[in-house]
Every structure is written in structure tokens, then in C-alpha cells.
Amino acid sequence: MVPMDNRHAPFALVTGTSAGIGHAVAQALLARGWNVVGLSRRPAPIDHARYEHLSVDLADTGALNGLLGRFVFEGRRLAERPRLGLVNNAADPGELIQFDELDPARFAASIAVNVTAPVLLMRAFLRARPAGVPLRIVNVSTGAAVRAFPGLAAYCTGKAALRMAGQVVGAELDAPPSPPAASEDVAILSYEPGVVDTDIQTRARSTPRAQFPWVDVFIDFARKGLLKPPAAPAADIADFLDADGAPHFSERRFGG
């Protein structure tokens, strides 16, 4: 299907739309009348007139920059929009392994997905946003951004860094010498969805105990029925993108 871009509809870019929370967020926004561009390595099972999928490995920042220039921010893509949204959802847990056994190249790739790509996307939206157009950014976070979990060094490190990056942008928007037009109606949310039934959970509880001694924590999440469906936090995220009155930076957990 050739995407139909309603130029007067709100526009959002969502990463990781092939599955999980990203897929659910895209579906929620489409149901609310948004145009959505999804980014992920794998195809997304979304067939909708206002959805466009772009395949990219977010660990390849050069490819991401080229893709943004050619397909997202060219021409009048963001012009005449009543509202813009960015959902940095895609995540790479990295190696589920003891800290001293981490592979440096694999660690760097995880950081690229969890930190560098979201930062580049935030920067691109902040620079390209037409003056006065509301911009809502959601950085999907985790309890691992504020609490250390054994065996999750790359994931904890990356998510903590992304949380701080959002806080820095909020602080800059709050403080002079930011011109009023640059900070007007921009809001960033660091959002912790809680324990959600995603591919990361599946991978964690499927990792051999000899490699990941803490696997029982994740097995218990599923055994005790604690995993919520992705649609639950996705609705929360879509509500934020649609809402007014948020501060430049805020954070909250699902249900909070």
C-alpha cells in the first residue's frame, strides 16, 4: 500500500514498530488520526493508509541520519502539522551477561540504539519543528534506568543515559538563553511502562542460567502473570502525545 499522507494531520515518528510497545503505539496513533512513520530493522505488520515504514538499523547512526534527511525531514513533511510526536521506543538489551565478560563492540552497538539514535532523533525534531507547533517526545524508559540489575549492564547504562539526556533538554528549554519560540510547547516524557510482554522479556527468560544467573527474576514475571499487554502503556503514551500542559521534562510510570 502506498501511504496516504494527510498533510493537515498530526505527525509522529515511532521507533521499534515491528513488535511490542512500538507496534501498539503506532496502532493507537493511527486510530486517533495521526500520520505515523515507523522505524525498525524488521518489517512492521501494519497495513494502514497513513502508516509508512522505513527499515533501518538504529545502531548504524550514519544510515539513520541519511534516512531522516531523505524521507522524514525533506520538503514539507513537517509543515502545516497541528502537532508533532516522537516516540523513542526501540531498545537493545545488549548482552545478558556478567559485566567483566562484556564484548566492547556489542556494548557499543547497544549504546547506539539506546542512546545515540534517540538523541539524534530528539535533536532532529527540535531543529526541524516549525515555530509554534506543539512537539511531544516520549523516551520509553525502564526501572533499569534508575536501579542496577545484575547482568544488564548495557541496558541499564543506556536507559539511564537516555533519561538524563531528556532531563538536560528539559533544563535547557527551561533556562535562558533559550528563545521563547524554541521552547514554546515542547514537552518530553521519560516513561516507564512497567513489566510488559515484549521480546526483551522473552529473551531474558530464555537465556541459559549458566550465562545469566538472574534468569529466574524474569521467569517469575511471566509465571506470576505480571506481564501486561503492550496496548496498555501504548494508550498512555498516545494520551501524552495528544495532551497539552505538560512541563518541558517530566517522568512517570505506567499507572502512576
C-alpha atoms as a PDB file:
ATOM      1  CA  MET A   1       0.000   0.000   0.000  1.00  0.00           C
ATOM      2  CA  VAL A   2       1.251   3.478  -0.892  1.00  0.00           C
ATOM      3  CA  PRO A   3       0.976   5.644   2.258  1.00  0.00           C
ATOM      4  CA  MET A   4      -1.538   8.488   2.087  1.00  0.00           C
ATOM      5  CA  ASP A   5      -0.058  11.458   3.892  1.00  0.00           C
ATOM      6  CA  ASN A   6      -2.751  13.798   5.218  1.00  0.00           C
ATOM      7  CA  ARG A   7      -0.708  16.985   5.421  1.00  0.00           C
ATOM      8  CA  HIS A   8      -3.030  18.523   7.990  1.00  0.00           C
ATOM      9  CA  ALA A   9      -2.964  15.542  10.375  1.00  0.00           C
ATOM     10  CA  PRO A  10      -0.596  15.303  13.353  1.00  0.00           C
ATOM     11  CA  PHE A  11       2.651  13.511  12.505  1.00  0.00           C
ATOM     12  CA  ALA A  12       4.623  11.071  14.652  1.00  0.00           C
ATOM     13  CA  LEU A  13       7.774   9.048  14.231  1.00  0.00           C
ATOM     14  CA  VAL A  14       7.873   5.852  16.306  1.00  0.00           C
ATOM     15  CA  THR A  15      10.877   3.549  16.584  1.00  0.00           C
ATOM     16  CA  GLY A  16      10.612  -0.190  17.020  1.00  0.00           C
ATOM     17  CA  THR A  17       7.212  -0.616  15.368  1.00  0.00           C
ATOM     18  CA  SER A  18       7.792  -4.218  14.270  1.00  0.00           C
ATOM     19  CA  ALA A  19       6.543  -5.583  17.617  1.00  0.00           C
ATOM     20  CA  GLY A  20       5.734  -4.824  21.238  1.00  0.00           C
ATOM     21  CA  ILE A  21       5.106  -1.327  22.557  1.00  0.00           C
ATOM     22  CA  GLY A  22       6.225   0.437  19.375  1.00  0.00           C
ATOM     23  CA  HIS A  23       3.773  -1.553  17.259  1.00  0.00           C
ATOM     24  CA  ALA A  24       0.971  -0.858  19.751  1.00  0.00           C
ATOM     25  CA  VAL A  25       1.775   2.881  19.890  1.00  0.00           C
ATOM     26  CA  ALA A  26       1.673   3.150  16.088  1.00  0.00           C
ATOM     27  CA  GLN A  27      -1.707   1.408  16.012  1.00  0.00           C
ATOM     28  CA  ALA A  28      -3.076   3.659  18.764  1.00  0.00           C
ATOM     29  CA  LEU A  29      -1.956   6.830  16.993  1.00  0.00           C
ATOM     30  CA  LEU A  30      -3.357   5.701  13.652  1.00  0.00           C
ATOM     31  CA  ALA A  31      -6.704   5.076  15.335  1.00  0.00           C
ATOM     32  CA  ARG A  32      -6.582   8.682  16.590  1.00  0.00           C
ATOM     33  CA  GLY A  33      -5.969  10.156  13.138  1.00  0.00           C
ATOM     34  CA  TRP A  34      -2.189  10.606  13.205  1.00  0.00           C
ATOM     35  CA  ASN A  35       0.168  10.035  10.297  1.00  0.00           C
ATOM     36  CA  VAL A  36       2.879   7.658  11.503  1.00  0.00           C
ATOM     37  CA  VAL A  37       6.343   6.807  10.207  1.00  0.00           C
ATOM     38  CA  GLY A  38       7.795   3.705  11.841  1.00  0.00           C
ATOM     39  CA  LEU A  39      11.471   2.819  12.060  1.00  0.00           C
ATOM     40  CA  SER A  40      12.803  -0.683  12.711  1.00  0.00           C
ATOM     41  CA  ARG A  41      15.059  -3.303  11.190  1.00  0.00           C
ATOM     42  CA  ARG A  42      12.228  -5.753  10.607  1.00  0.00           C
ATOM     43  CA  PRO A  43       9.014  -5.067   8.693  1.00  0.00           C
ATOM     44  CA  ALA A  44       6.043  -3.950  10.766  1.00  0.00           C
ATOM     45  CA  PRO A  45       2.754  -5.868  10.470  1.00  0.00           C
ATOM     46  CA  ILE A  46       0.799  -2.655   9.951  1.00  0.00           C
ATOM     47  CA  ASP A  47      -1.355  -2.154   6.864  1.00  0.00           C
ATOM     48  CA  HIS A  48      -2.825   1.330   7.056  1.00  0.00           C
ATOM     49  CA  ALA A  49      -3.194   4.205   4.624  1.00  0.00           C
ATOM     50  CA  ARG A  50      -1.488   6.639   6.990  1.00  0.00           C
ATOM     51  CA  TYR A  51       1.428   4.415   8.011  1.00  0.00           C
ATOM     52  CA  GLU A  52       4.831   4.403   6.339  1.00  0.00           C
ATOM     53  CA  HIS A  53       7.576   2.000   7.343  1.00  0.00           C
ATOM     54  CA  LEU A  54      11.286   2.693   6.943  1.00  0.00           C
ATOM     55  CA  SER A  55      13.771  -0.125   7.538  1.00  0.00           C
ATOM     56  CA  VAL A  56      16.927   0.907   9.342  1.00  0.00           C
ATOM     57  CA  ASP A  57      19.332  -0.484  11.919  1.00  0.00           C
ATOM     58  CA  LEU A  58      19.373   2.181  14.641  1.00  0.00           C
ATOM     59  CA  ALA A  59      22.863   1.058  15.630  1.00  0.00           C
ATOM     60  CA  ASP A  60      24.048   2.499  12.295  1.00  0.00           C
ATOM     61  CA  THR A  61      23.849   6.214  13.034  1.00  0.00           C
ATOM     62  CA  GLY A  62      25.132   7.153   9.581  1.00  0.00           C
ATOM     63  CA  ALA A  63      22.311   5.232   7.921  1.00  0.00           C
ATOM     64  CA  LEU A  64      19.810   6.777  10.348  1.00  0.00           C
ATOM     65  CA  ASN A  65      20.954  10.319   9.543  1.00  0.00           C
ATOM     66  CA  GLY A  66      20.730   9.628   5.811  1.00  0.00           C
ATOM     67  CA  LEU A  67      17.265   8.150   6.155  1.00  0.00           C
ATOM     68  CA  LEU A  68      15.999  11.116   8.150  1.00  0.00           C
ATOM     69  CA  GLY A  69      17.329  13.545   5.578  1.00  0.00           C
ATOM     70  CA  ARG A  70      15.809  11.723   2.619  1.00  0.00           C
ATOM     71  CA  PHE A  71      12.465  10.528   3.882  1.00  0.00           C
ATOM     72  CA  VAL A  72      11.419  12.313   7.055  1.00  0.00           C
ATOM     73  CA  PHE A  73      12.531  15.925   7.079  1.00  0.00           C
ATOM     74  CA  GLU A  74      12.644  16.655   3.372  1.00  0.00           C
ATOM     75  CA  GLY A  75      10.293  19.113   1.694  1.00  0.00           C
ATOM     76  CA  ARG A  76       7.085  19.922   3.551  1.00  0.00           C
ATOM     77  CA  ARG A  77       6.812  16.738   5.628  1.00  0.00           C
ATOM     78  CA  LEU A  78       6.526  18.672   8.904  1.00  0.00           C
ATOM     79  CA  ALA A  79       4.885  21.800   7.520  1.00  0.00           C
ATOM     80  CA  GLU A  80       1.245  22.573   8.286  1.00  0.00           C
ATOM     81  CA  ARG A  81       1.073  19.949  11.017  1.00  0.00           C
ATOM     82  CA  PRO A  82      -1.084  20.744  14.036  1.00  0.00           C
ATOM     83  CA  ARG A  83       1.161  18.602  16.271  1.00  0.00           C
ATOM     84  CA  LEU A  84       4.376  16.545  16.142  1.00  0.00           C
ATOM     85  CA  GLY A  85       5.328  13.470  18.116  1.00  0.00           C
ATOM     86  CA  LEU A  86       8.424  11.347  18.591  1.00  0.00           C
ATOM     87  CA  VAL A  87       8.391   8.042  20.459  1.00  0.00           C
ATOM     88  CA  ASN A  88      11.854   6.637  21.145  1.00  0.00           C
ATOM     89  CA  ASN A  89      10.748   3.093  21.904  1.00  0.00           C
ATOM     90  CA  ALA A  90      13.268   0.780  20.223  1.00  0.00           C
ATOM     91  CA  ALA A  91      15.745  -0.773  22.638  1.00  0.00           C
ATOM     92  CA  ASP A  92      18.625  -3.217  22.588  1.00  0.00           C
ATOM     93  CA  PRO A  93      19.215  -5.053  25.879  1.00  0.00           C
ATOM     94  CA  GLY A  94      22.743  -5.932  24.804  1.00  0.00           C
ATOM     95  CA  GLU A  95      24.396  -8.997  26.217  1.00  0.00           C
ATOM     96  CA  LEU A  96      22.704 -10.536  29.246  1.00  0.00           C
ATOM     97  CA  ILE A  97      25.984 -11.413  30.840  1.00  0.00           C
ATOM     98  CA  GLN A  98      28.361 -10.684  33.711  1.00  0.00           C
ATOM     99  CA  PHE A  99      29.963  -7.227  33.475  1.00  0.00           C
ATOM    100  CA  ASP A 100      33.534  -8.475  33.125  1.00  0.00           C
ATOM    101  CA  GLU A 101      32.533 -10.667  30.178  1.00  0.00           C
ATOM    102  CA  LEU A 102      31.006  -7.874  28.084  1.00  0.00           C
ATOM    103  CA  ASP A 103      32.118  -7.610  24.465  1.00  0.00           C
ATOM    104  CA  PRO A 104      33.097  -3.959  23.785  1.00  0.00           C
ATOM    105  CA  ALA A 105      31.736  -3.907  20.225  1.00  0.00           C
ATOM    106  CA  ARG A 106      28.418  -5.407  21.277  1.00  0.00           C
ATOM    107  CA  PHE A 107      28.205  -2.939  24.176  1.00  0.00           C
ATOM    108  CA  ALA A 108      28.809  -0.012  21.800  1.00  0.00           C
ATOM    109  CA  ALA A 109      26.066  -1.229  19.446  1.00  0.00           C
ATOM    110  CA  SER A 110      23.596  -1.377  22.329  1.00  0.00           C
ATOM    111  CA  ILE A 111      24.506   2.157  23.404  1.00  0.00           C
ATOM    112  CA  ALA A 112      23.988   3.355  19.822  1.00  0.00           C
ATOM    113  CA  VAL A 113      20.420   2.008  19.794  1.00  0.00           C
ATOM    114  CA  ASN A 114      19.502   3.013  23.347  1.00  0.00           C
ATOM    115  CA  VAL A 115      21.195   6.434  23.493  1.00  0.00           C
ATOM    116  CA  THR A 116      22.755   7.771  20.306  1.00  0.00           C
ATOM    117  CA  ALA A 117      19.822   7.134  17.967  1.00  0.00           C
ATOM    118  CA  PRO A 118      17.201   8.627  20.335  1.00  0.00           C
ATOM    119  CA  VAL A 119      19.414  11.674  20.939  1.00  0.00           C
ATOM    120  CA  LEU A 120      19.833  12.192  17.180  1.00  0.00           C
ATOM    121  CA  LEU A 121      16.077  11.918  16.709  1.00  0.00           C
ATOM    122  CA  MET A 122      15.321  14.384  19.508  1.00  0.00           C
ATOM    123  CA  ARG A 123      17.828  16.809  18.038  1.00  0.00           C
ATOM    124  CA  ALA A 124      16.321  16.449  14.557  1.00  0.00           C
ATOM    125  CA  PHE A 125      12.775  17.132  15.753  1.00  0.00           C
ATOM    126  CA  LEU A 126      13.800  20.082  17.911  1.00  0.00           C
ATOM    127  CA  ARG A 127      15.651  21.640  14.970  1.00  0.00           C
ATOM    128  CA  ALA A 128      13.033  20.902  12.295  1.00  0.00           C
ATOM    129  CA  ARG A 129       9.883  21.767  14.264  1.00  0.00           C
ATOM    130  CA  PRO A 130       8.090  24.764  12.748  1.00  0.00           C
ATOM    131  CA  ALA A 131       7.724  27.600  15.244  1.00  0.00           C
ATOM    132  CA  GLY A 132       4.685  27.280  17.459  1.00  0.00           C
ATOM    133  CA  VAL A 133       3.843  23.680  16.536  1.00  0.00           C
ATOM    134  CA  PRO A 134       3.421  21.518  19.666  1.00  0.00           C
ATOM    135  CA  LEU A 135       6.079  18.815  19.985  1.00  0.00           C
ATOM    136  CA  ARG A 136       5.741  15.832  22.302  1.00  0.00           C
ATOM    137  CA  ILE A 137       8.636  13.427  22.837  1.00  0.00           C
ATOM    138  CA  VAL A 138       8.352  10.166  24.743  1.00  0.00           C
ATOM    139  CA  ASN A 139      11.509   8.302  25.679  1.00  0.00           C
ATOM    140  CA  VAL A 140      10.398   4.821  26.715  1.00  0.00           C
ATOM    141  CA  SER A 141      12.354   4.076  29.866  1.00  0.00           C
ATOM    142  CA  THR A 142      12.552   1.256  32.402  1.00  0.00           C
ATOM    143  CA  GLY A 143      13.198   0.586  36.055  1.00  0.00           C
ATOM    144  CA  ALA A 144      16.691  -0.329  34.872  1.00  0.00           C
ATOM    145  CA  ALA A 145      17.318   3.383  34.228  1.00  0.00           C
ATOM    146  CA  VAL A 146      17.248   4.129  37.949  1.00  0.00           C
ATOM    147  CA  ARG A 147      18.112   0.766  39.517  1.00  0.00           C
ATOM    148  CA  ALA A 148      21.060  -1.532  38.827  1.00  0.00           C
ATOM    149  CA  PHE A 149      20.146  -5.045  37.703  1.00  0.00           C
ATOM    150  CA  PRO A 150      22.875  -7.725  37.600  1.00  0.00           C
ATOM    151  CA  GLY A 151      23.603  -8.909  34.087  1.00  0.00           C
ATOM    152  CA  LEU A 152      22.012  -5.877  32.411  1.00  0.00           C
ATOM    153  CA  ALA A 153      24.988  -3.509  32.219  1.00  0.00           C
ATOM    154  CA  ALA A 154      24.384  -2.314  28.662  1.00  0.00           C
ATOM    155  CA  TYR A 155      20.648  -1.887  29.129  1.00  0.00           C
ATOM    156  CA  CYS A 156      20.901  -0.120  32.497  1.00  0.00           C
ATOM    157  CA  THR A 157      23.659   2.175  31.241  1.00  0.00           C
ATOM    158  CA  GLY A 158      21.888   3.102  28.018  1.00  0.00           C
ATOM    159  CA  LYS A 159      18.481   3.744  29.539  1.00  0.00           C
ATOM    160  CA  ALA A 160      19.977   5.812  32.370  1.00  0.00           C
ATOM    161  CA  ALA A 161      21.832   7.921  29.798  1.00  0.00           C
ATOM    162  CA  LEU A 162      18.690   8.474  27.722  1.00  0.00           C
ATOM    163  CA  ARG A 163      16.753   9.527  30.824  1.00  0.00           C
ATOM    164  CA  MET A 164      19.452  12.085  31.621  1.00  0.00           C
ATOM    165  CA  ALA A 165      19.561  13.324  28.024  1.00  0.00           C
ATOM    166  CA  GLY A 166      15.853  14.128  28.230  1.00  0.00           C
ATOM    167  CA  GLN A 167      16.400  15.915  31.537  1.00  0.00           C
ATOM    168  CA  VAL A 168      19.175  18.016  30.014  1.00  0.00           C
ATOM    169  CA  VAL A 169      16.979  19.061  27.088  1.00  0.00           C
ATOM    170  CA  GLY A 170      14.213  19.987  29.532  1.00  0.00           C
ATOM    171  CA  ALA A 171      16.634  22.024  31.634  1.00  0.00           C
ATOM    172  CA  GLU A 172      17.866  23.874  28.559  1.00  0.00           C
ATOM    173  CA  LEU A 173      14.299  24.665  27.491  1.00  0.00           C
ATOM    174  CA  ASP A 174      13.549  25.940  30.997  1.00  0.00           C
ATOM    175  CA  ALA A 175      16.577  28.202  31.230  1.00  0.00           C
ATOM    176  CA  PRO A 176      17.794  31.283  29.353  1.00  0.00           C
ATOM    177  CA  PRO A 177      19.118  31.988  26.809  1.00  0.00           C
ATOM    178  CA  SER A 178      16.584  29.710  25.052  1.00  0.00           C
ATOM    179  CA  PRO A 179      14.495  31.945  22.766  1.00  0.00           C
ATOM    180  CA  PRO A 180      10.759  31.710  23.534  1.00  0.00           C
ATOM    181  CA  ALA A 181       9.969  30.224  20.124  1.00  0.00           C
ATOM    182  CA  ALA A 182      12.423  27.382  20.682  1.00  0.00           C
ATOM    183  CA  SER A 183      10.947  26.296  23.998  1.00  0.00           C
ATOM    184  CA  GLU A 184       7.263  27.041  23.408  1.00  0.00           C
ATOM    185  CA  ASP A 185       5.007  23.984  23.715  1.00  0.00           C
ATOM    186  CA  VAL A 186       7.735  21.333  23.783  1.00  0.00           C
ATOM    187  CA  ALA A 187       7.349  18.507  26.297  1.00  0.00           C
ATOM    188  CA  ILE A 188       9.498  15.435  26.919  1.00  0.00           C
ATOM    189  CA  LEU A 189       8.310  12.444  28.939  1.00  0.00           C
ATOM    190  CA  SER A 190      10.571   9.726  30.298  1.00  0.00           C
ATOM    191  CA  TYR A 191       8.021   6.928  30.548  1.00  0.00           C
ATOM    192  CA  GLU A 192       8.470   3.665  32.411  1.00  0.00           C
ATOM    193  CA  PRO A 193       5.874   1.176  31.128  1.00  0.00           C
ATOM    194  CA  GLY A 194       6.461  -1.388  33.863  1.00  0.00           C
ATOM    195  CA  VAL A 195       6.749  -5.093  33.138  1.00  0.00           C
ATOM    196  CA  VAL A 196       5.405  -5.601  29.602  1.00  0.00           C
ATOM    197  CA  ASP A 197       5.152  -8.738  27.481  1.00  0.00           C
ATOM    198  CA  THR A 198       7.817  -7.888  24.883  1.00  0.00           C
ATOM    199  CA  ASP A 199      10.644  -9.582  23.012  1.00  0.00           C
ATOM    200  CA  ILE A 200      13.123  -8.363  25.645  1.00  0.00           C
ATOM    201  CA  GLN A 201      11.224 -10.237  28.356  1.00  0.00           C
ATOM    202  CA  THR A 202      11.120 -13.367  26.191  1.00  0.00           C
ATOM    203  CA  ARG A 203      14.843 -13.190  25.543  1.00  0.00           C
ATOM    204  CA  ALA A 204      15.679 -12.628  29.211  1.00  0.00           C
ATOM    205  CA  ARG A 205      13.745 -15.634  30.488  1.00  0.00           C
ATOM    206  CA  SER A 206      15.070 -17.804  27.641  1.00  0.00           C
ATOM    207  CA  THR A 207      18.751 -17.096  28.345  1.00  0.00           C
ATOM    208  CA  PRO A 208      20.614 -20.073  29.878  1.00  0.00           C
ATOM    209  CA  ARG A 209      21.140 -19.778  33.613  1.00  0.00           C
ATOM    210  CA  ALA A 210      24.856 -20.529  33.171  1.00  0.00           C
ATOM    211  CA  GLN A 211      25.155 -17.273  31.192  1.00  0.00           C
ATOM    212  CA  PHE A 212      22.532 -15.201  33.018  1.00  0.00           C
ATOM    213  CA  PRO A 213      22.194 -16.382  36.641  1.00  0.00           C
ATOM    214  CA  TRP A 214      19.364 -13.917  37.273  1.00  0.00           C
ATOM    215  CA  VAL A 215      17.010 -15.507  34.728  1.00  0.00           C
ATOM    216  CA  ASP A 216      14.550 -16.600  37.431  1.00  0.00           C
ATOM    217  CA  VAL A 217      13.532 -12.978  38.049  1.00  0.00           C
ATOM    218  CA  PHE A 218      12.162 -12.800  34.502  1.00  0.00           C
ATOM    219  CA  ILE A 219      10.691 -16.288  34.580  1.00  0.00           C
ATOM    220  CA  ASP A 220       8.760 -15.255  37.697  1.00  0.00           C
ATOM    221  CA  PHE A 221       7.334 -12.184  35.947  1.00  0.00           C
ATOM    222  CA  ALA A 222       5.624 -14.487  33.438  1.00  0.00           C
ATOM    223  CA  ARG A 223       4.781 -17.253  35.933  1.00  0.00           C
ATOM    224  CA  LYS A 224       3.047 -14.813  38.284  1.00  0.00           C
ATOM    225  CA  GLY A 225       1.073 -13.152  35.484  1.00  0.00           C
ATOM    226  CA  LEU A 226       2.776  -9.781  35.955  1.00  0.00           C
ATOM    227  CA  LEU A 227       3.350  -9.079  32.258  1.00  0.00           C
ATOM    228  CA  LYS A 228       0.920  -6.506  30.887  1.00  0.00           C
ATOM    229  CA  PRO A 229      -0.007  -6.326  27.177  1.00  0.00           C
ATOM    230  CA  PRO A 230       1.795  -3.654  25.101  1.00  0.00           C
ATOM    231  CA  ALA A 231      -1.512  -1.937  24.318  1.00  0.00           C
ATOM    232  CA  ALA A 232      -1.849  -0.774  27.931  1.00  0.00           C
ATOM    233  CA  PRO A 233       1.223   1.505  28.076  1.00  0.00           C
ATOM    234  CA  ALA A 234       0.739   2.377  24.388  1.00  0.00           C
ATOM    235  CA  ALA A 235      -2.561   4.079  25.208  1.00  0.00           C
ATOM    236  CA  ASP A 236      -0.818   6.051  27.956  1.00  0.00           C
ATOM    237  CA  ILE A 237       1.884   7.188  25.512  1.00  0.00           C
ATOM    238  CA  ALA A 238      -0.673   8.194  22.875  1.00  0.00           C
ATOM    239  CA  ASP A 239      -2.564  10.191  25.511  1.00  0.00           C
ATOM    240  CA  PHE A 240       0.603  12.170  26.286  1.00  0.00           C
ATOM    241  CA  LEU A 241       1.206  12.922  22.617  1.00  0.00           C
ATOM    242  CA  ASP A 242      -2.339  14.253  22.337  1.00  0.00           C
ATOM    243  CA  ALA A 243      -2.287  16.253  25.572  1.00  0.00           C
ATOM    244  CA  ASP A 244      -1.433  19.853  26.419  1.00  0.00           C
ATOM    245  CA  GLY A 245       0.023  21.476  29.517  1.00  0.00           C
ATOM    246  CA  ALA A 246       2.987  19.215  30.310  1.00  0.00           C
ATOM    247  CA  PRO A 247       6.278  20.696  31.585  1.00  0.00           C
ATOM    248  CA  HIS A 248       9.355  20.634  29.395  1.00  0.00           C
ATOM    249  CA  PHE A 249      10.506  17.440  31.142  1.00  0.00           C
ATOM    250  CA  SER A 250       8.577  15.003  33.260  1.00  0.00           C
ATOM    251  CA  GLU A 251       8.691  11.332  34.081  1.00  0.00           C
ATOM    252  CA  ARG A 252       6.212   8.783  35.267  1.00  0.00           C
ATOM    253  CA  ARG A 253       5.494   5.085  35.453  1.00  0.00           C
ATOM    254  CA  PHE A 254       2.523   3.256  33.977  1.00  0.00           C
ATOM    255  CA  GLY A 255      -0.379   3.596  36.353  1.00  0.00           C
ATOM    256  CA  GLY A 256       1.306   6.459  38.190  1.00  0.00           C
END
